[in-house]
Amino acid sequence: MRWILILILLLGTAIVAAQPAGAPANLTTARVVVSIGNFYNEQTPQLKAEDLTVTQGFDPVPVSRVIPLRNGIELYLLVDNCSDCEPGTKFEELSRFIRTQPQTTAVGIAYIRNGRLEIAEPPGADRERAIKALSPPSGGSPASPFGALRELIGSFKQDSLRHVILMVTNGMDPAPEASPNPAAEAAIETAQRAGVTVFAIYHPSADYLNTDFERIYAGQVQVAHVAAETGGEAYFITSGPLPSLAPFLGDIADHLANQYVLELSLKPAEGTGALREIDVKTTNRDLEVIAPAKVWVPAKGR
């Protein structure tokens, strides 16, 4: 009887081994842009598939390719008109940031005025034209910046370029507080579907000293949430204006110079596609990999 049981177990194992789990024909390719954050050696490292572990829940996700991205960015500077506290020198730093972008980066300028999106200059190669369109915020009626952000994300064409938005905002929504913030969540979903990375620099309104600190903090939390969920970063120190934007603009420039596309093998989504949560980590303790919290997975055959 014992030998019969062993034989059954061996046959069962052979049958399971003969049926490939998750055969490539049943998978689809999803692509996600990640950035290298901090690295602690003199030479910029090259990210490789063996440096990464990607999971969906508790299930490992195969990384089929890691493609370095060095060219082709459409970058919008999105300035919230409410962020009008001592903007003068900060905008000189933004101008220098624009001038130092690689020639393959197209820079555009947009504003949030009373919660509405205004595109002052579409992305282009003319740096001086973009700088001319960049003007310090003058203040205005408080309004959520996230509806305008979502609209700007929707203005990008579906092409092979990387799409990046750098927001300068206080992140405050005058509407009754809700957790999670519906406008911020809608902007995150739109960015994740379109593969747009959002960076955010907190800059307060001129009356921030007379503003309830809890509302200021809530705005900072929302911009940090939007940036982190889309694979970017948010920058702030206190509730006041940053003494200088230069170190943070330099950090953003480093991120953009060290981005990669990960091609992931996942089960196809139903319908036209779906967002799925992923967790991207690195096995290299000298690296920080910054990735969106979700990836858009196409349906079978798309």
C-alpha atoms as a PDB file:
ATOM      1  CA  MET A   1       0.000   0.000   0.000  1.00  0.00           C
ATOM      2  CA  ARG A   2       2.860   2.326   0.910  1.00  0.00           C
ATOM      3  CA  TRP A   3       4.496   1.792  -2.515  1.00  0.00           C
ATOM      4  CA  ILE A   4       1.211   2.513  -4.280  1.00  0.00           C
ATOM      5  CA  LEU A   5       0.932   5.882  -2.443  1.00  0.00           C
ATOM      6  CA  ILE A   6       4.509   6.791  -3.378  1.00  0.00           C
ATOM      7  CA  LEU A   7       3.810   5.919  -7.028  1.00  0.00           C
ATOM      8  CA  ILE A   8       0.669   8.112  -7.020  1.00  0.00           C
ATOM      9  CA  LEU A   9       2.615  11.028  -5.538  1.00  0.00           C
ATOM     10  CA  LEU A  10       5.391  10.667  -8.120  1.00  0.00           C
ATOM     11  CA  LEU A  11       2.901  10.557 -10.981  1.00  0.00           C
ATOM     12  CA  GLY A  12       1.100  13.624  -9.617  1.00  0.00           C
ATOM     13  CA  THR A  13       4.395  15.516  -9.400  1.00  0.00           C
ATOM     14  CA  ALA A  14       5.239  14.590 -12.989  1.00  0.00           C
ATOM     15  CA  ILE A  15       1.845  15.825 -14.216  1.00  0.00           C
ATOM     16  CA  VAL A  16       2.229  19.173 -12.398  1.00  0.00           C
ATOM     17  CA  ALA A  17       5.770  19.589 -13.766  1.00  0.00           C
ATOM     18  CA  ALA A  18       4.536  18.934 -17.299  1.00  0.00           C
ATOM     19  CA  GLN A  19       2.012  21.782 -17.070  1.00  0.00           C
ATOM     20  CA  PRO A  20       3.902  25.107 -17.200  1.00  0.00           C
ATOM     21  CA  ALA A  21       2.530  27.527 -14.613  1.00  0.00           C
ATOM     22  CA  GLY A  22       1.850  30.896 -16.142  1.00  0.00           C
ATOM     23  CA  ALA A  23       3.071  30.093 -19.639  1.00  0.00           C
ATOM     24  CA  PRO A  24       4.192  33.189 -21.599  1.00  0.00           C
ATOM     25  CA  ALA A  25       1.293  32.783 -24.016  1.00  0.00           C
ATOM     26  CA  ASN A  26      -1.099  33.476 -21.148  1.00  0.00           C
ATOM     27  CA  LEU A  27       0.701  36.616 -19.985  1.00  0.00           C
ATOM     28  CA  THR A  28       0.802  40.201 -21.170  1.00  0.00           C
ATOM     29  CA  THR A  29       3.481  42.858 -20.887  1.00  0.00           C
ATOM     30  CA  ALA A  30       2.919  45.853 -18.619  1.00  0.00           C
ATOM     31  CA  ARG A  31       5.409  48.718 -18.559  1.00  0.00           C
ATOM     32  CA  VAL A  32       6.242  50.964 -15.632  1.00  0.00           C
ATOM     33  CA  VAL A  33       8.760  53.815 -15.309  1.00  0.00           C
ATOM     34  CA  VAL A  34      10.964  53.787 -12.208  1.00  0.00           C
ATOM     35  CA  SER A  35      13.704  56.141 -11.017  1.00  0.00           C
ATOM     36  CA  ILE A  36      16.899  55.591  -9.088  1.00  0.00           C
ATOM     37  CA  GLY A  37      16.859  57.840  -6.058  1.00  0.00           C
ATOM     38  CA  ASN A  38      19.844  57.950  -3.738  1.00  0.00           C
ATOM     39  CA  PHE A  39      22.992  56.083  -4.616  1.00  0.00           C
ATOM     40  CA  TYR A  40      26.135  56.072  -2.554  1.00  0.00           C
ATOM     41  CA  ASN A  41      29.016  55.656  -4.933  1.00  0.00           C
ATOM     42  CA  GLU A  42      30.782  58.026  -7.330  1.00  0.00           C
ATOM     43  CA  GLN A  43      29.641  56.332 -10.525  1.00  0.00           C
ATOM     44  CA  THR A  44      25.965  56.260 -11.456  1.00  0.00           C
ATOM     45  CA  PRO A  45      24.854  52.632 -11.177  1.00  0.00           C
ATOM     46  CA  GLN A  46      23.097  50.701 -13.912  1.00  0.00           C
ATOM     47  CA  LEU A  47      19.878  49.061 -12.800  1.00  0.00           C
ATOM     48  CA  LYS A  48      19.559  45.396 -13.799  1.00  0.00           C
ATOM     49  CA  ALA A  49      16.740  42.881 -13.530  1.00  0.00           C
ATOM     50  CA  GLU A  50      18.650  40.926 -10.892  1.00  0.00           C
ATOM     51  CA  ASP A  51      18.698  44.064  -8.704  1.00  0.00           C
ATOM     52  CA  LEU A  52      14.898  44.035  -8.473  1.00  0.00           C
ATOM     53  CA  THR A  53      12.096  42.152  -6.826  1.00  0.00           C
ATOM     54  CA  VAL A  54       8.582  42.960  -8.006  1.00  0.00           C
ATOM     55  CA  THR A  55       5.533  41.506  -6.305  1.00  0.00           C
ATOM     56  CA  GLN A  56       1.778  41.695  -6.692  1.00  0.00           C
ATOM     57  CA  GLY A  57       0.395  40.940  -3.276  1.00  0.00           C
ATOM     58  CA  PHE A  58       2.511  37.957  -2.231  1.00  0.00           C
ATOM     59  CA  ASP A  59       3.104  36.731  -5.782  1.00  0.00           C
ATOM     60  CA  PRO A  60       6.422  37.425  -7.549  1.00  0.00           C
ATOM     61  CA  VAL A  61       6.193  39.243 -10.893  1.00  0.00           C
ATOM     62  CA  PRO A  62       8.800  38.375 -13.563  1.00  0.00           C
ATOM     63  CA  VAL A  63      10.811  41.328 -14.905  1.00  0.00           C
ATOM     64  CA  SER A  64      11.458  40.512 -18.552  1.00  0.00           C
ATOM     65  CA  ARG A  65      13.449  43.645 -19.439  1.00  0.00           C
ATOM     66  CA  VAL A  66      14.987  46.717 -17.803  1.00  0.00           C
ATOM     67  CA  ILE A  67      15.428  49.510 -20.349  1.00  0.00           C
ATOM     68  CA  PRO A  68      17.441  52.659 -19.461  1.00  0.00           C
ATOM     69  CA  LEU A  69      15.779  55.939 -20.470  1.00  0.00           C
ATOM     70  CA  ARG A  70      18.119  58.751 -21.392  1.00  0.00           C
ATOM     71  CA  ASN A  71      16.199  60.894 -23.865  1.00  0.00           C
ATOM     72  CA  GLY A  72      12.739  62.112 -24.764  1.00  0.00           C
ATOM     73  CA  ILE A  73      10.893  63.871 -21.940  1.00  0.00           C
ATOM     74  CA  GLU A  74       7.900  66.199 -22.016  1.00  0.00           C
ATOM     75  CA  LEU A  75       8.093  68.188 -18.788  1.00  0.00           C
ATOM     76  CA  TYR A  76       5.435  70.617 -17.536  1.00  0.00           C
ATOM     77  CA  LEU A  77       6.020  73.086 -14.731  1.00  0.00           C
ATOM     78  CA  LEU A  78       2.597  73.497 -13.128  1.00  0.00           C
ATOM     79  CA  VAL A  79       2.455  76.557 -10.846  1.00  0.00           C
ATOM     80  CA  ASP A  80      -0.394  77.095  -8.391  1.00  0.00           C
ATOM     81  CA  ASN A  81      -1.312  80.787  -8.386  1.00  0.00           C
ATOM     82  CA  CYS A  82      -2.188  80.495  -4.673  1.00  0.00           C
ATOM     83  CA  SER A  83       1.460  79.789  -3.807  1.00  0.00           C
ATOM     84  CA  ASP A  84       2.425  83.455  -3.728  1.00  0.00           C
ATOM     85  CA  CYS A  85       4.694  83.656  -0.638  1.00  0.00           C
ATOM     86  CA  GLU A  86       8.050  85.309  -1.479  1.00  0.00           C
ATOM     87  CA  PRO A  87       8.331  83.747  -4.928  1.00  0.00           C
ATOM     88  CA  GLY A  88      11.017  86.009  -6.461  1.00  0.00           C
ATOM     89  CA  THR A  89      14.297  84.100  -5.980  1.00  0.00           C
ATOM     90  CA  LYS A  90      12.520  80.773  -6.234  1.00  0.00           C
ATOM     91  CA  PHE A  91      11.477  81.562  -9.792  1.00  0.00           C
ATOM     92  CA  GLU A  92      15.028  82.506 -10.713  1.00  0.00           C
ATOM     93  CA  GLU A  93      15.984  79.009  -9.585  1.00  0.00           C
ATOM     94  CA  LEU A  94      13.176  77.529 -11.685  1.00  0.00           C
ATOM     95  CA  SER A  95      14.487  79.467 -14.690  1.00  0.00           C
ATOM     96  CA  ARG A  96      17.970  78.011 -14.180  1.00  0.00           C
ATOM     97  CA  PHE A  97      16.429  74.557 -13.874  1.00  0.00           C
ATOM     98  CA  ILE A  98      14.722  75.011 -17.248  1.00  0.00           C
ATOM     99  CA  ARG A  99      17.959  76.191 -18.889  1.00  0.00           C
ATOM    100  CA  THR A 100      19.919  73.174 -17.647  1.00  0.00           C
ATOM    101  CA  GLN A 101      17.510  70.554 -18.991  1.00  0.00           C
ATOM    102  CA  PRO A 102      18.885  68.312 -21.768  1.00  0.00           C
ATOM    103  CA  GLN A 103      18.066  69.356 -25.309  1.00  0.00           C
ATOM    104  CA  THR A 104      15.920  66.249 -25.691  1.00  0.00           C
ATOM    105  CA  THR A 105      13.589  67.535 -22.942  1.00  0.00           C
ATOM    106  CA  ALA A 106      10.627  69.641 -24.077  1.00  0.00           C
ATOM    107  CA  VAL A 107       9.539  72.096 -21.359  1.00  0.00           C
ATOM    108  CA  GLY A 108       6.065  73.573 -20.987  1.00  0.00           C
ATOM    109  CA  ILE A 109       4.544  76.035 -18.498  1.00  0.00           C
ATOM    110  CA  ALA A 110       1.051  75.838 -17.000  1.00  0.00           C
ATOM    111  CA  TYR A 111      -0.808  77.560 -14.141  1.00  0.00           C
ATOM    112  CA  ILE A 112      -3.620  76.812 -11.741  1.00  0.00           C
ATOM    113  CA  ARG A 113      -5.747  79.943 -11.406  1.00  0.00           C
ATOM    114  CA  ASN A 114      -8.787  79.725  -9.134  1.00  0.00           C
ATOM    115  CA  GLY A 115      -8.671  75.954  -9.575  1.00  0.00           C
ATOM    116  CA  ARG A 116      -8.645  76.119 -13.381  1.00  0.00           C
ATOM    117  CA  LEU A 117      -5.854  74.966 -15.666  1.00  0.00           C
ATOM    118  CA  GLU A 118      -4.203  77.555 -17.922  1.00  0.00           C
ATOM    119  CA  ILE A 119      -1.488  76.411 -20.324  1.00  0.00           C
ATOM    120  CA  ALA A 120       0.885  79.320 -20.904  1.00  0.00           C
ATOM    121  CA  GLU A 121       3.380  77.485 -23.117  1.00  0.00           C
ATOM    122  CA  PRO A 122       3.112  73.929 -24.494  1.00  0.00           C
ATOM    123  CA  PRO A 123       6.218  71.732 -24.243  1.00  0.00           C
ATOM    124  CA  GLY A 124       8.937  72.793 -26.644  1.00  0.00           C
ATOM    125  CA  ALA A 125      12.694  72.998 -27.142  1.00  0.00           C
ATOM    126  CA  ASP A 126      12.916  76.805 -26.842  1.00  0.00           C
ATOM    127  CA  ARG A 127      14.130  77.350 -23.275  1.00  0.00           C
ATOM    128  CA  GLU A 128      13.877  81.134 -23.340  1.00  0.00           C
ATOM    129  CA  ARG A 129      10.319  80.959 -24.599  1.00  0.00           C
ATOM    130  CA  ALA A 130       9.378  78.737 -21.657  1.00  0.00           C
ATOM    131  CA  ILE A 131      11.173  81.040 -19.193  1.00  0.00           C
ATOM    132  CA  LYS A 132       9.376  84.051 -20.634  1.00  0.00           C
ATOM    133  CA  ALA A 133       6.054  82.302 -19.947  1.00  0.00           C
ATOM    134  CA  LEU A 134       7.107  81.640 -16.334  1.00  0.00           C
ATOM    135  CA  SER A 135       5.885  84.336 -13.958  1.00  0.00           C
ATOM    136  CA  PRO A 136       5.564  84.419 -10.144  1.00  0.00           C
ATOM    137  CA  PRO A 137       2.085  83.649  -8.774  1.00  0.00           C
ATOM    138  CA  SER A 138       0.000  86.653  -7.835  1.00  0.00           C
ATOM    139  CA  GLY A 139      -2.418  84.917  -5.455  1.00  0.00           C
ATOM    140  CA  GLY A 140      -6.074  84.133  -5.932  1.00  0.00           C
ATOM    141  CA  SER A 141      -9.086  82.396  -4.529  1.00  0.00           C
ATOM    142  CA  PRO A 142      -8.139  79.142  -2.745  1.00  0.00           C
ATOM    143  CA  ALA A 143      -9.040  76.098  -4.812  1.00  0.00           C
ATOM    144  CA  SER A 144      -8.005  72.470  -5.062  1.00  0.00           C
ATOM    145  CA  PRO A 145      -5.021  72.032  -7.403  1.00  0.00           C
ATOM    146  CA  PHE A 146      -5.797  68.401  -8.216  1.00  0.00           C
ATOM    147  CA  GLY A 147      -8.553  68.882 -10.778  1.00  0.00           C
ATOM    148  CA  ALA A 148      -6.198  71.045 -12.863  1.00  0.00           C
ATOM    149  CA  LEU A 149      -3.430  68.480 -12.419  1.00  0.00           C
ATOM    150  CA  ARG A 150      -5.709  65.741 -13.726  1.00  0.00           C
ATOM    151  CA  GLU A 151      -6.663  67.868 -16.728  1.00  0.00           C
ATOM    152  CA  LEU A 152      -2.998  68.554 -17.509  1.00  0.00           C
ATOM    153  CA  ILE A 153      -2.176  64.840 -17.316  1.00  0.00           C
ATOM    154  CA  GLY A 154      -4.959  64.229 -19.823  1.00  0.00           C
ATOM    155  CA  SER A 155      -3.387  66.722 -22.249  1.00  0.00           C
ATOM    156  CA  PHE A 156      -0.362  64.495 -22.903  1.00  0.00           C
ATOM    157  CA  LYS A 157      -0.481  62.459 -26.078  1.00  0.00           C
ATOM    158  CA  GLN A 158      -0.050  58.678 -25.964  1.00  0.00           C
ATOM    159  CA  ASP A 159       3.427  58.300 -27.429  1.00  0.00           C
ATOM    160  CA  SER A 160       6.873  56.952 -26.602  1.00  0.00           C
ATOM    161  CA  LEU A 161       7.985  60.046 -24.690  1.00  0.00           C
ATOM    162  CA  ARG A 162       8.268  60.215 -20.917  1.00  0.00           C
ATOM    163  CA  HIS A 163       5.723  62.566 -19.401  1.00  0.00           C
ATOM    164  CA  VAL A 164       6.565  64.421 -16.194  1.00  0.00           C
ATOM    165  CA  ILE A 165       4.864  67.181 -14.210  1.00  0.00           C
ATOM    166  CA  LEU A 166       6.586  69.313 -11.587  1.00  0.00           C
ATOM    167  CA  MET A 167       3.982  71.021  -9.389  1.00  0.00           C
ATOM    168  CA  VAL A 168       4.669  74.090  -7.251  1.00  0.00           C
ATOM    169  CA  THR A 169       1.687  74.240  -4.902  1.00  0.00           C
ATOM    170  CA  ASN A 170       0.480  74.374  -1.317  1.00  0.00           C
ATOM    171  CA  GLY A 171      -1.766  71.374  -2.021  1.00  0.00           C
ATOM    172  CA  MET A 172      -4.646  72.847  -0.032  1.00  0.00           C
ATOM    173  CA  ASP A 173      -8.236  72.010  -0.906  1.00  0.00           C
ATOM    174  CA  PRO A 174     -10.761  74.452   0.613  1.00  0.00           C
ATOM    175  CA  ALA A 175     -13.558  71.905   0.235  1.00  0.00           C
ATOM    176  CA  PRO A 176     -14.621  70.001   3.355  1.00  0.00           C
ATOM    177  CA  GLU A 177     -11.905  67.556   4.296  1.00  0.00           C
ATOM    178  CA  ALA A 178     -12.314  63.999   3.076  1.00  0.00           C
ATOM    179  CA  SER A 179      -9.959  61.080   3.405  1.00  0.00           C
ATOM    180  CA  PRO A 180      -8.932  60.072   0.877  1.00  0.00           C
ATOM    181  CA  ASN A 181      -9.306  63.321  -1.068  1.00  0.00           C
ATOM    182  CA  PRO A 182     -11.476  62.465  -4.136  1.00  0.00           C
ATOM    183  CA  ALA A 183      -9.785  65.003  -6.440  1.00  0.00           C
ATOM    184  CA  ALA A 184      -6.311  63.808  -5.482  1.00  0.00           C
ATOM    185  CA  GLU A 185      -7.313  60.152  -5.945  1.00  0.00           C
ATOM    186  CA  ALA A 186      -8.750  60.898  -9.401  1.00  0.00           C
ATOM    187  CA  ALA A 187      -5.503  62.650 -10.410  1.00  0.00           C
ATOM    188  CA  ILE A 188      -3.445  59.687  -9.167  1.00  0.00           C
ATOM    189  CA  GLU A 189      -5.520  57.176 -11.142  1.00  0.00           C
ATOM    190  CA  THR A 190      -5.275  59.271 -14.311  1.00  0.00           C
ATOM    191  CA  ALA A 191      -1.487  59.581 -13.903  1.00  0.00           C
ATOM    192  CA  GLN A 192      -1.029  55.862 -13.268  1.00  0.00           C
ATOM    193  CA  ARG A 193      -3.121  54.928 -16.300  1.00  0.00           C
ATOM    194  CA  ALA A 194      -1.129  57.330 -18.504  1.00  0.00           C
ATOM    195  CA  GLY A 195       2.294  56.573 -16.984  1.00  0.00           C
ATOM    196  CA  VAL A 196       2.849  60.208 -15.921  1.00  0.00           C
ATOM    197  CA  THR A 197       5.291  60.917 -13.068  1.00  0.00           C
ATOM    198  CA  VAL A 198       4.436  63.806 -10.737  1.00  0.00           C
ATOM    199  CA  PHE A 199       6.958  65.676  -8.593  1.00  0.00           C
ATOM    200  CA  ALA A 200       5.758  68.330  -6.148  1.00  0.00           C
ATOM    201  CA  ILE A 201       7.445  71.223  -4.360  1.00  0.00           C
ATOM    202  CA  TYR A 202       5.420  72.667  -1.513  1.00  0.00           C
ATOM    203  CA  HIS A 203       5.222  76.458  -1.536  1.00  0.00           C
ATOM    204  CA  PRO A 204       2.675  78.245   0.689  1.00  0.00           C
ATOM    205  CA  SER A 205       0.328  81.148   0.109  1.00  0.00           C
ATOM    206  CA  ALA A 206       1.249  84.561   1.478  1.00  0.00           C
ATOM    207  CA  ASP A 207      -1.169  84.222   4.401  1.00  0.00           C
ATOM    208  CA  TYR A 208       0.166  80.855   5.610  1.00  0.00           C
ATOM    209  CA  LEU A 209       1.002  82.261   9.070  1.00  0.00           C
ATOM    210  CA  ASN A 210      -2.707  82.967   9.587  1.00  0.00           C
ATOM    211  CA  THR A 211      -3.843  79.620   8.171  1.00  0.00           C
ATOM    212  CA  ASP A 212      -4.869  76.679  10.319  1.00  0.00           C
ATOM    213  CA  PHE A 213      -1.800  74.443  10.539  1.00  0.00           C
ATOM    214  CA  GLU A 214      -3.911  71.298  10.166  1.00  0.00           C
ATOM    215  CA  ARG A 215      -5.099  72.468   6.740  1.00  0.00           C
ATOM    216  CA  ILE A 216      -1.519  73.257   5.709  1.00  0.00           C
ATOM    217  CA  TYR A 217      -0.410  69.821   6.875  1.00  0.00           C
ATOM    218  CA  ALA A 218      -3.312  68.168   5.038  1.00  0.00           C
ATOM    219  CA  GLY A 219      -2.198  69.908   1.822  1.00  0.00           C
ATOM    220  CA  GLN A 220       1.366  68.682   2.282  1.00  0.00           C
ATOM    221  CA  VAL A 221       0.118  65.147   2.889  1.00  0.00           C
ATOM    222  CA  GLN A 222      -1.959  65.223  -0.301  1.00  0.00           C
ATOM    223  CA  VAL A 223       0.883  66.429  -2.550  1.00  0.00           C
ATOM    224  CA  ALA A 224       3.216  63.850  -0.996  1.00  0.00           C
ATOM    225  CA  HIS A 225       0.589  61.161  -1.598  1.00  0.00           C
ATOM    226  CA  VAL A 226       0.118  62.134  -5.258  1.00  0.00           C
ATOM    227  CA  ALA A 227       3.870  62.198  -5.895  1.00  0.00           C
ATOM    228  CA  ALA A 228       4.599  58.897  -4.147  1.00  0.00           C
ATOM    229  CA  GLU A 229       1.738  57.017  -5.851  1.00  0.00           C
ATOM    230  CA  THR A 230       2.887  58.143  -9.322  1.00  0.00           C
ATOM    231  CA  GLY A 231       6.597  57.353  -8.873  1.00  0.00           C
ATOM    232  CA  GLY A 232       7.758  60.889  -8.037  1.00  0.00           C
ATOM    233  CA  GLU A 233       8.712  62.707  -4.849  1.00  0.00           C
ATOM    234  CA  ALA A 234       7.442  65.697  -2.876  1.00  0.00           C
ATOM    235  CA  TYR A 235       9.634  68.270  -1.143  1.00  0.00           C
ATOM    236  CA  PHE A 236       8.880  70.334   1.968  1.00  0.00           C
ATOM    237  CA  ILE A 237      10.497  70.994   5.337  1.00  0.00           C
ATOM    238  CA  THR A 238       8.112  73.089   7.438  1.00  0.00           C
ATOM    239  CA  SER A 239       4.827  74.901   6.863  1.00  0.00           C
ATOM    240  CA  GLY A 240       6.798  77.891   5.549  1.00  0.00           C
ATOM    241  CA  PRO A 241       8.491  78.428   2.186  1.00  0.00           C
ATOM    242  CA  LEU A 242      11.649  76.496   1.402  1.00  0.00           C
ATOM    243  CA  PRO A 243      14.777  78.653   1.780  1.00  0.00           C
ATOM    244  CA  SER A 244      15.900  77.491  -1.667  1.00  0.00           C
ATOM    245  CA  LEU A 245      14.492  75.226  -4.379  1.00  0.00           C
ATOM    246  CA  ALA A 246      17.911  74.500  -5.893  1.00  0.00           C
ATOM    247  CA  PRO A 247      18.784  71.320  -3.914  1.00  0.00           C
ATOM    248  CA  PHE A 248      15.376  69.807  -4.639  1.00  0.00           C
ATOM    249  CA  LEU A 249      15.449  70.759  -8.320  1.00  0.00           C
ATOM    250  CA  GLY A 250      18.866  69.092  -8.486  1.00  0.00           C
ATOM    251  CA  ASP A 251      17.388  65.957  -6.940  1.00  0.00           C
ATOM    252  CA  ILE A 252      14.584  65.927  -9.517  1.00  0.00           C
ATOM    253  CA  ALA A 253      17.140  66.355 -12.330  1.00  0.00           C
ATOM    254  CA  ASP A 254      19.069  63.338 -10.975  1.00  0.00           C
ATOM    255  CA  HIS A 255      15.885  61.253 -10.937  1.00  0.00           C
ATOM    256  CA  LEU A 256      15.045  62.167 -14.522  1.00  0.00           C
ATOM    257  CA  ALA A 257      18.582  61.308 -15.648  1.00  0.00           C
ATOM    258  CA  ASN A 258      18.309  57.853 -14.054  1.00  0.00           C
ATOM    259  CA  GLN A 259      14.969  56.424 -15.133  1.00  0.00           C
ATOM    260  CA  TYR A 260      14.174  52.977 -16.490  1.00  0.00           C
ATOM    261  CA  VAL A 261      11.237  51.149 -18.011  1.00  0.00           C
ATOM    262  CA  LEU A 262      10.504  47.799 -16.414  1.00  0.00           C
ATOM    263  CA  GLU A 263       8.674  45.317 -18.606  1.00  0.00           C
ATOM    264  CA  LEU A 264       6.623  43.048 -16.361  1.00  0.00           C
ATOM    265  CA  SER A 265       4.909  39.779 -17.275  1.00  0.00           C
ATOM    266  CA  LEU A 266       1.415  39.771 -15.776  1.00  0.00           C
ATOM    267  CA  LYS A 267      -1.894  38.067 -16.332  1.00  0.00           C
ATOM    268  CA  PRO A 268      -4.032  40.101 -18.765  1.00  0.00           C
ATOM    269  CA  ALA A 269      -6.720  42.287 -17.278  1.00  0.00           C
ATOM    270  CA  GLU A 270     -10.410  41.989 -18.046  1.00  0.00           C
ATOM    271  CA  GLY A 271     -12.230  44.372 -20.388  1.00  0.00           C
ATOM    272  CA  THR A 272      -9.998  47.133 -21.758  1.00  0.00           C
ATOM    273  CA  GLY A 273      -7.394  46.929 -18.995  1.00  0.00           C
ATOM    274  CA  ALA A 274      -7.006  47.655 -15.300  1.00  0.00           C
ATOM    275  CA  LEU A 275      -4.720  49.165 -12.687  1.00  0.00           C
ATOM    276  CA  ARG A 276      -3.009  46.635 -10.448  1.00  0.00           C
ATOM    277  CA  GLU A 277      -0.974  47.241  -7.330  1.00  0.00           C
ATOM    278  CA  ILE A 278       2.717  46.353  -7.466  1.00  0.00           C
ATOM    279  CA  ASP A 279       5.601  46.622  -5.051  1.00  0.00           C
ATOM    280  CA  VAL A 280       9.034  47.300  -6.548  1.00  0.00           C
ATOM    281  CA  LYS A 281      12.065  46.824  -4.323  1.00  0.00           C
ATOM    282  CA  THR A 282      15.788  46.556  -4.902  1.00  0.00           C
ATOM    283  CA  THR A 283      18.176  43.978  -3.499  1.00  0.00           C
ATOM    284  CA  ASN A 284      21.028  46.507  -3.769  1.00  0.00           C
ATOM    285  CA  ARG A 285      21.262  48.279  -0.418  1.00  0.00           C
ATOM    286  CA  ASP A 286      23.170  51.182  -2.006  1.00  0.00           C
ATOM    287  CA  LEU A 287      20.191  52.069  -4.223  1.00  0.00           C
ATOM    288  CA  GLU A 288      16.733  53.534  -3.772  1.00  0.00           C
ATOM    289  CA  VAL A 289      14.230  52.649  -6.479  1.00  0.00           C
ATOM    290  CA  ILE A 290      11.187  54.922  -6.734  1.00  0.00           C
ATOM    291  CA  ALA A 291       8.177  53.410  -8.500  1.00  0.00           C
ATOM    292  CA  PRO A 292       4.432  53.993  -8.843  1.00  0.00           C
ATOM    293  CA  ALA A 293       2.143  52.029  -6.559  1.00  0.00           C
ATOM    294  CA  LYS A 294       0.088  50.690  -9.488  1.00  0.00           C
ATOM    295  CA  VAL A 295       0.703  49.699 -13.083  1.00  0.00           C
ATOM    296  CA  TRP A 296      -1.734  49.725 -15.987  1.00  0.00           C
ATOM    297  CA  VAL A 297      -2.190  46.164 -17.254  1.00  0.00           C
ATOM    298  CA  PRO A 298      -3.666  45.831 -20.744  1.00  0.00           C
ATOM    299  CA  ALA A 299      -6.295  43.281 -21.663  1.00  0.00           C
ATOM    300  CA  LYS A 300      -5.402  40.178 -23.622  1.00  0.00           C
ATOM    301  CA  GLY A 301      -4.461  40.969 -27.217  1.00  0.00           C
ATOM    302  CA  ARG A 302      -3.936  44.699 -26.563  1.00  0.00           C
END
